[in-house]
Amino acid sequence: QVQLVESGGGLVQAGGSLRLSCAASGRTFSNYVMGWFRQAPGKEREFVAGISRIGINTYYADSVKGRFTISRDNAKNTVYLQMGSLKPEDTADYYCAARSGAVVTSSGYNYWGQGTQVTVSS
């Protein structure tokens, strides 16, 4: 089992930046591919970004490419999502997730955090 706790959400103006953090506990953090997802009101949850076990490979949804950066610090058991040039359409609950295996994908995540809310005002 991996326990995940997100933090860093909040209210920000359009064009601003925010950094989300996700602290993991339980199993060995570096054994897991990590991802960020989001779910806006009335919409389905969608993949945002993923990162490989040692952070070499990353994968982004087209909607955030060039604006968001995923990173991880295995010594701190933490994964981050640096969000820049934020838009009102980025407003959502953001979740981090973990999956076994080596491939960074947009699906197949086994463990989920409780989410942190991000609101971008226009």
N, C-alpha and C. Protein backbone atom coordinates (compact mmCIF):
# COMPACT_ATOMS: atom_id res chain seq x y z
N GLN A 1 0.83 -1.20 0.00
CA GLN A 1 0.00 0.00 0.00
C GLN A 1 0.86 1.25 0.00
N VAL A 2 0.41 2.23 -0.73
CA VAL A 2 1.06 3.54 -0.75
C VAL A 2 0.02 4.57 -0.34
N GLN A 3 0.36 5.39 0.60
CA GLN A 3 -0.53 6.47 1.02
C GLN A 3 -0.01 7.78 0.43
N LEU A 4 -0.93 8.54 -0.13
CA LEU A 4 -0.57 9.78 -0.82
C LEU A 4 -1.36 10.95 -0.25
N VAL A 5 -0.66 12.04 0.00
CA VAL A 5 -1.31 13.23 0.54
C VAL A 5 -0.87 14.45 -0.26
N GLU A 6 -1.83 15.09 -0.92
CA GLU A 6 -1.53 16.29 -1.71
C GLU A 6 -1.63 17.55 -0.87
N SER A 7 -0.92 18.57 -1.31
CA SER A 7 -1.01 19.88 -0.69
C SER A 7 -0.62 20.93 -1.71
N GLY A 8 -0.90 22.18 -1.38
CA GLY A 8 -0.46 23.27 -2.24
C GLY A 8 -1.53 23.91 -3.08
N GLY A 9 -2.73 23.37 -3.05
CA GLY A 9 -3.81 23.97 -3.82
C GLY A 9 -4.23 25.31 -3.26
N GLY A 10 -5.05 26.01 -4.04
CA GLY A 10 -5.53 27.31 -3.57
C GLY A 10 -6.13 28.11 -4.69
N LEU A 11 -6.31 29.40 -4.42
CA LEU A 11 -6.88 30.32 -5.39
C LEU A 11 -5.76 31.16 -5.99
N VAL A 12 -5.76 31.27 -7.31
CA VAL A 12 -4.72 32.03 -8.00
C VAL A 12 -5.35 32.74 -9.19
N GLN A 13 -4.80 33.86 -9.56
CA GLN A 13 -5.31 34.59 -10.72
C GLN A 13 -4.79 33.98 -12.01
N ALA A 14 -5.53 34.16 -13.05
CA ALA A 14 -5.11 33.68 -14.37
C ALA A 14 -3.73 34.26 -14.70
N GLY A 15 -2.89 33.42 -15.25
CA GLY A 15 -1.52 33.82 -15.55
C GLY A 15 -0.54 33.54 -14.44
N GLY A 16 -1.06 33.21 -13.29
CA GLY A 16 -0.21 32.95 -12.13
C GLY A 16 0.33 31.54 -12.09
N SER A 17 1.03 31.26 -10.99
CA SER A 17 1.67 29.96 -10.81
C SER A 17 1.29 29.36 -9.47
N LEU A 18 1.43 28.05 -9.39
CA LEU A 18 1.15 27.32 -8.16
C LEU A 18 1.95 26.03 -8.21
N ARG A 19 2.42 25.58 -7.06
CA ARG A 19 3.12 24.29 -7.01
C ARG A 19 2.38 23.35 -6.08
N LEU A 20 2.02 22.21 -6.62
CA LEU A 20 1.39 21.17 -5.82
C LEU A 20 2.46 20.17 -5.37
N SER A 21 2.26 19.62 -4.19
CA SER A 21 3.14 18.58 -3.67
C SER A 21 2.31 17.37 -3.30
N CYS A 22 2.93 16.22 -3.38
CA CYS A 22 2.27 14.99 -2.97
C CYS A 22 3.30 14.16 -2.20
N ALA A 23 3.03 13.97 -0.93
CA ALA A 23 3.91 13.20 -0.07
C ALA A 23 3.43 11.76 0.01
N ALA A 24 4.35 10.84 -0.17
CA ALA A 24 4.01 9.42 -0.17
C ALA A 24 4.60 8.74 1.06
N SER A 25 3.90 7.73 1.52
CA SER A 25 4.39 6.89 2.62
C SER A 25 3.93 5.46 2.36
N GLY A 26 4.58 4.55 3.04
CA GLY A 26 4.24 3.15 2.86
C GLY A 26 5.36 2.42 2.14
N ARG A 27 5.06 1.94 0.97
CA ARG A 27 6.04 1.18 0.21
C ARG A 27 7.14 2.10 -0.34
N THR A 28 8.16 1.51 -0.90
CA THR A 28 9.30 2.26 -1.44
C THR A 28 8.84 3.16 -2.58
N PHE A 29 8.97 4.45 -2.37
CA PHE A 29 8.46 5.45 -3.31
C PHE A 29 9.06 5.29 -4.69
N SER A 30 10.34 5.00 -4.75
CA SER A 30 11.02 4.94 -6.05
C SER A 30 10.62 3.72 -6.87
N ASN A 31 9.81 2.86 -6.33
CA ASN A 31 9.32 1.71 -7.09
C ASN A 31 8.11 2.06 -7.95
N TYR A 32 7.60 3.29 -7.81
CA TYR A 32 6.33 3.63 -8.44
C TYR A 32 6.48 4.77 -9.46
N VAL A 33 5.81 4.57 -10.58
CA VAL A 33 5.55 5.68 -11.49
C VAL A 33 4.50 6.57 -10.82
N MET A 34 4.68 7.87 -10.93
CA MET A 34 3.76 8.80 -10.29
C MET A 34 3.05 9.65 -11.34
N GLY A 35 1.82 10.01 -11.03
CA GLY A 35 1.06 10.83 -11.96
C GLY A 35 0.22 11.86 -11.24
N TRP A 36 -0.17 12.87 -11.99
CA TRP A 36 -1.13 13.86 -11.53
C TRP A 36 -2.34 13.81 -12.45
N PHE A 37 -3.51 13.89 -11.83
CA PHE A 37 -4.78 13.92 -12.55
C PHE A 37 -5.58 15.10 -12.02
N ARG A 38 -6.63 15.45 -12.76
CA ARG A 38 -7.52 16.49 -12.27
C ARG A 38 -8.95 16.19 -12.68
N GLN A 39 -9.86 16.74 -11.89
CA GLN A 39 -11.27 16.58 -12.20
C GLN A 39 -11.98 17.89 -11.95
N ALA A 40 -12.51 18.47 -13.01
CA ALA A 40 -13.26 19.71 -12.91
C ALA A 40 -14.73 19.39 -12.61
N PRO A 41 -15.44 20.33 -12.05
CA PRO A 41 -16.86 20.09 -11.74
C PRO A 41 -17.64 19.66 -12.97
N GLY A 42 -18.36 18.56 -12.85
CA GLY A 42 -19.18 18.07 -13.93
C GLY A 42 -18.43 17.36 -15.05
N LYS A 43 -17.14 17.17 -14.86
CA LYS A 43 -16.34 16.52 -15.90
C LYS A 43 -15.67 15.27 -15.35
N GLU A 44 -15.21 14.45 -16.26
CA GLU A 44 -14.51 13.24 -15.86
C GLU A 44 -13.07 13.57 -15.45
N ARG A 45 -12.52 12.72 -14.64
CA ARG A 45 -11.13 12.89 -14.25
C ARG A 45 -10.24 12.70 -15.47
N GLU A 46 -9.21 13.54 -15.58
CA GLU A 46 -8.30 13.44 -16.72
C GLU A 46 -6.85 13.44 -16.27
N PHE A 47 -6.04 12.78 -17.06
CA PHE A 47 -4.60 12.72 -16.82
C PHE A 47 -3.98 14.08 -17.09
N VAL A 48 -3.03 14.47 -16.25
CA VAL A 48 -2.32 15.73 -16.43
C VAL A 48 -0.85 15.48 -16.77
N ALA A 49 -0.17 14.68 -15.95
CA ALA A 49 1.26 14.47 -16.15
C ALA A 49 1.69 13.21 -15.42
N GLY A 50 2.77 12.60 -15.91
CA GLY A 50 3.33 11.43 -15.26
C GLY A 50 4.85 11.50 -15.29
N ILE A 51 5.47 10.77 -14.36
CA ILE A 51 6.92 10.76 -14.27
C ILE A 51 7.39 9.37 -13.90
N SER A 52 8.51 8.98 -14.49
CA SER A 52 9.05 7.65 -14.26
C SER A 52 9.65 7.52 -12.87
N ARG A 53 10.05 6.32 -12.54
CA ARG A 53 10.45 6.02 -11.17
C ARG A 53 11.63 6.82 -10.68
N ILE A 54 12.60 7.11 -11.56
CA ILE A 54 13.73 7.92 -11.12
C ILE A 54 13.71 9.30 -11.76
N GLY A 55 12.61 9.63 -12.42
CA GLY A 55 12.40 10.99 -12.88
C GLY A 55 12.98 11.34 -14.23
N ILE A 56 13.45 10.35 -14.97
CA ILE A 56 14.07 10.65 -16.26
C ILE A 56 13.01 10.94 -17.32
N ASN A 57 11.95 10.16 -17.31
CA ASN A 57 10.92 10.30 -18.34
C ASN A 57 9.68 10.97 -17.78
N THR A 58 9.14 11.90 -18.56
CA THR A 58 7.89 12.56 -18.19
C THR A 58 6.92 12.52 -19.37
N TYR A 59 5.67 12.72 -19.06
CA TYR A 59 4.61 12.61 -20.08
C TYR A 59 3.51 13.57 -19.66
N TYR A 60 3.05 14.39 -20.62
CA TYR A 60 2.08 15.42 -20.31
C TYR A 60 0.87 15.36 -21.22
N ALA A 61 -0.26 15.76 -20.67
CA ALA A 61 -1.42 15.98 -21.51
C ALA A 61 -1.16 17.20 -22.38
N ASP A 62 -1.71 17.19 -23.58
CA ASP A 62 -1.49 18.31 -24.50
C ASP A 62 -1.95 19.63 -23.90
N SER A 63 -2.98 19.58 -23.09
CA SER A 63 -3.56 20.80 -22.54
C SER A 63 -2.65 21.53 -21.57
N VAL A 64 -1.65 20.83 -21.04
CA VAL A 64 -0.77 21.47 -20.05
C VAL A 64 0.69 21.51 -20.51
N LYS A 65 0.98 20.92 -21.63
CA LYS A 65 2.35 20.84 -22.12
C LYS A 65 2.92 22.25 -22.29
N GLY A 66 4.11 22.45 -21.76
CA GLY A 66 4.75 23.76 -21.85
C GLY A 66 4.38 24.70 -20.71
N ARG A 67 3.36 24.35 -19.94
CA ARG A 67 2.94 25.20 -18.82
C ARG A 67 3.16 24.51 -17.47
N PHE A 68 3.03 23.21 -17.43
CA PHE A 68 3.18 22.45 -16.19
C PHE A 68 4.45 21.61 -16.25
N THR A 69 5.05 21.40 -15.08
CA THR A 69 6.24 20.54 -14.99
C THR A 69 6.07 19.59 -13.80
N ILE A 70 6.22 18.31 -14.08
CA ILE A 70 6.18 17.32 -13.02
C ILE A 70 7.61 16.96 -12.65
N SER A 71 7.85 16.76 -11.36
CA SER A 71 9.17 16.36 -10.89
C SER A 71 8.99 15.54 -9.62
N ARG A 72 10.06 14.91 -9.21
CA ARG A 72 10.00 14.11 -7.99
C ARG A 72 11.32 14.16 -7.25
N ASP A 73 11.25 13.97 -5.95
CA ASP A 73 12.42 13.88 -5.09
C ASP A 73 12.28 12.58 -4.31
N ASN A 74 12.97 11.56 -4.76
CA ASN A 74 12.81 10.26 -4.12
C ASN A 74 13.37 10.23 -2.70
N ALA A 75 14.31 11.11 -2.41
CA ALA A 75 14.84 11.18 -1.05
C ALA A 75 13.80 11.73 -0.07
N LYS A 76 12.86 12.52 -0.60
CA LYS A 76 11.81 13.09 0.22
C LYS A 76 10.46 12.41 0.01
N ASN A 77 10.44 11.39 -0.82
CA ASN A 77 9.19 10.67 -1.10
C ASN A 77 8.08 11.62 -1.56
N THR A 78 8.46 12.53 -2.43
CA THR A 78 7.51 13.57 -2.84
C THR A 78 7.54 13.78 -4.34
N VAL A 79 6.37 13.99 -4.90
CA VAL A 79 6.24 14.36 -6.31
C VAL A 79 5.58 15.74 -6.36
N TYR A 80 6.00 16.52 -7.34
CA TYR A 80 5.55 17.91 -7.45
C TYR A 80 4.88 18.16 -8.81
N LEU A 81 4.03 19.14 -8.83
CA LEU A 81 3.49 19.63 -10.08
C LEU A 81 3.58 21.15 -10.06
N GLN A 82 4.53 21.67 -10.83
CA GLN A 82 4.68 23.11 -10.95
C GLN A 82 3.77 23.57 -12.08
N MET A 83 2.84 24.45 -11.76
CA MET A 83 1.86 24.90 -12.74
C MET A 83 2.08 26.38 -13.02
N GLY A 84 2.21 26.73 -14.28
CA GLY A 84 2.42 28.11 -14.67
C GLY A 84 1.44 28.52 -15.75
N SER A 85 1.39 29.83 -16.00
CA SER A 85 0.47 30.39 -17.01
C SER A 85 -0.93 29.81 -16.83
N LEU A 86 -1.38 29.80 -15.61
CA LEU A 86 -2.65 29.15 -15.29
C LEU A 86 -3.82 29.85 -15.96
N LYS A 87 -4.80 29.04 -16.33
CA LYS A 87 -6.00 29.51 -17.00
C LYS A 87 -7.22 29.11 -16.17
N PRO A 88 -8.30 29.82 -16.34
CA PRO A 88 -9.53 29.43 -15.60
C PRO A 88 -9.92 27.98 -15.86
N GLU A 89 -9.65 27.48 -17.05
CA GLU A 89 -10.01 26.09 -17.35
C GLU A 89 -9.13 25.08 -16.65
N ASP A 90 -8.09 25.53 -15.95
CA ASP A 90 -7.28 24.63 -15.12
C ASP A 90 -7.92 24.41 -13.76
N THR A 91 -8.99 25.11 -13.47
CA THR A 91 -9.69 24.94 -12.20
C THR A 91 -10.21 23.51 -12.07
N ALA A 92 -9.83 22.86 -10.97
CA ALA A 92 -10.20 21.46 -10.76
C ALA A 92 -9.68 20.99 -9.41
N ASP A 93 -10.12 19.81 -9.02
CA ASP A 93 -9.47 19.09 -7.93
C ASP A 93 -8.33 18.29 -8.55
N TYR A 94 -7.15 18.42 -7.96
CA TYR A 94 -5.97 17.74 -8.49
C TYR A 94 -5.59 16.59 -7.57
N TYR A 95 -5.33 15.45 -8.20
CA TYR A 95 -5.02 14.23 -7.46
C TYR A 95 -3.66 13.69 -7.90
N CYS A 96 -2.87 13.21 -6.96
CA CYS A 96 -1.70 12.45 -7.36
C CYS A 96 -2.03 10.97 -7.24
N ALA A 97 -1.28 10.18 -8.00
CA ALA A 97 -1.54 8.76 -8.07
C ALA A 97 -0.25 8.02 -8.31
N ALA A 98 -0.25 6.75 -7.95
CA ALA A 98 0.93 5.91 -8.11
C ALA A 98 0.54 4.62 -8.81
N ARG A 99 1.48 4.12 -9.62
CA ARG A 99 1.24 2.84 -10.27
C ARG A 99 2.52 2.02 -10.26
N SER A 100 2.36 0.73 -10.20
CA SER A 100 3.50 -0.17 -10.30
C SER A 100 3.96 -0.24 -11.74
N GLY A 101 5.16 -0.72 -11.95
CA GLY A 101 5.67 -0.86 -13.30
C GLY A 101 6.67 0.21 -13.63
N ALA A 102 7.13 0.20 -14.87
CA ALA A 102 8.20 1.11 -15.28
C ALA A 102 7.77 2.13 -16.32
N VAL A 103 6.64 1.90 -16.96
CA VAL A 103 6.23 2.76 -18.07
C VAL A 103 5.35 3.90 -17.56
N VAL A 104 5.64 5.09 -18.05
CA VAL A 104 4.81 6.24 -17.69
C VAL A 104 3.60 6.27 -18.62
N THR A 105 2.43 6.10 -18.06
CA THR A 105 1.21 6.07 -18.86
C THR A 105 0.16 6.98 -18.24
N SER A 106 -0.95 7.09 -18.92
CA SER A 106 -2.05 7.91 -18.43
C SER A 106 -3.13 7.06 -17.76
N SER A 107 -2.86 5.79 -17.58
CA SER A 107 -3.86 4.91 -16.98
C SER A 107 -3.18 3.85 -16.12
N GLY A 108 -4.00 3.08 -15.41
CA GLY A 108 -3.46 1.97 -14.65
C GLY A 108 -2.91 2.32 -13.29
N TYR A 109 -3.31 3.46 -12.75
CA TYR A 109 -2.81 3.87 -11.45
C TYR A 109 -3.61 3.19 -10.35
N ASN A 110 -2.88 2.70 -9.34
CA ASN A 110 -3.50 1.88 -8.30
C ASN A 110 -3.83 2.63 -7.02
N TYR A 111 -3.05 3.65 -6.74
CA TYR A 111 -3.17 4.35 -5.47
C TYR A 111 -3.42 5.83 -5.73
N TRP A 112 -4.29 6.41 -4.91
CA TRP A 112 -4.74 7.78 -5.12
C TRP A 112 -4.73 8.58 -3.82
N GLY A 113 -4.43 9.85 -3.96
CA GLY A 113 -4.56 10.75 -2.83
C GLY A 113 -5.99 11.28 -2.74
N GLN A 114 -6.21 12.15 -1.77
CA GLN A 114 -7.55 12.66 -1.53
C GLN A 114 -7.86 13.91 -2.35
N GLY A 115 -6.85 14.50 -2.94
CA GLY A 115 -7.05 15.64 -3.82
C GLY A 115 -6.81 16.98 -3.14
N THR A 116 -6.48 17.97 -3.95
CA THR A 116 -6.33 19.34 -3.49
C THR A 116 -6.97 20.25 -4.53
N GLN A 117 -7.68 21.25 -4.08
CA GLN A 117 -8.45 22.07 -4.99
C GLN A 117 -7.63 23.25 -5.52
N VAL A 118 -7.73 23.45 -6.82
CA VAL A 118 -7.09 24.60 -7.47
C VAL A 118 -8.17 25.40 -8.17
N THR A 119 -8.22 26.68 -7.87
CA THR A 119 -9.17 27.58 -8.51
C THR A 119 -8.42 28.72 -9.16
N VAL A 120 -8.65 28.90 -10.45
CA VAL A 120 -8.00 29.97 -11.20
C VAL A 120 -9.05 31.00 -11.58
N SER A 121 -8.89 32.21 -11.08
CA SER A 121 -9.86 33.26 -11.36
C SER A 121 -9.43 34.06 -12.59
N SER A 122 -10.42 34.53 -13.31
CA SER A 122 -10.13 35.29 -14.54
C SER A 122 -9.99 36.77 -14.26
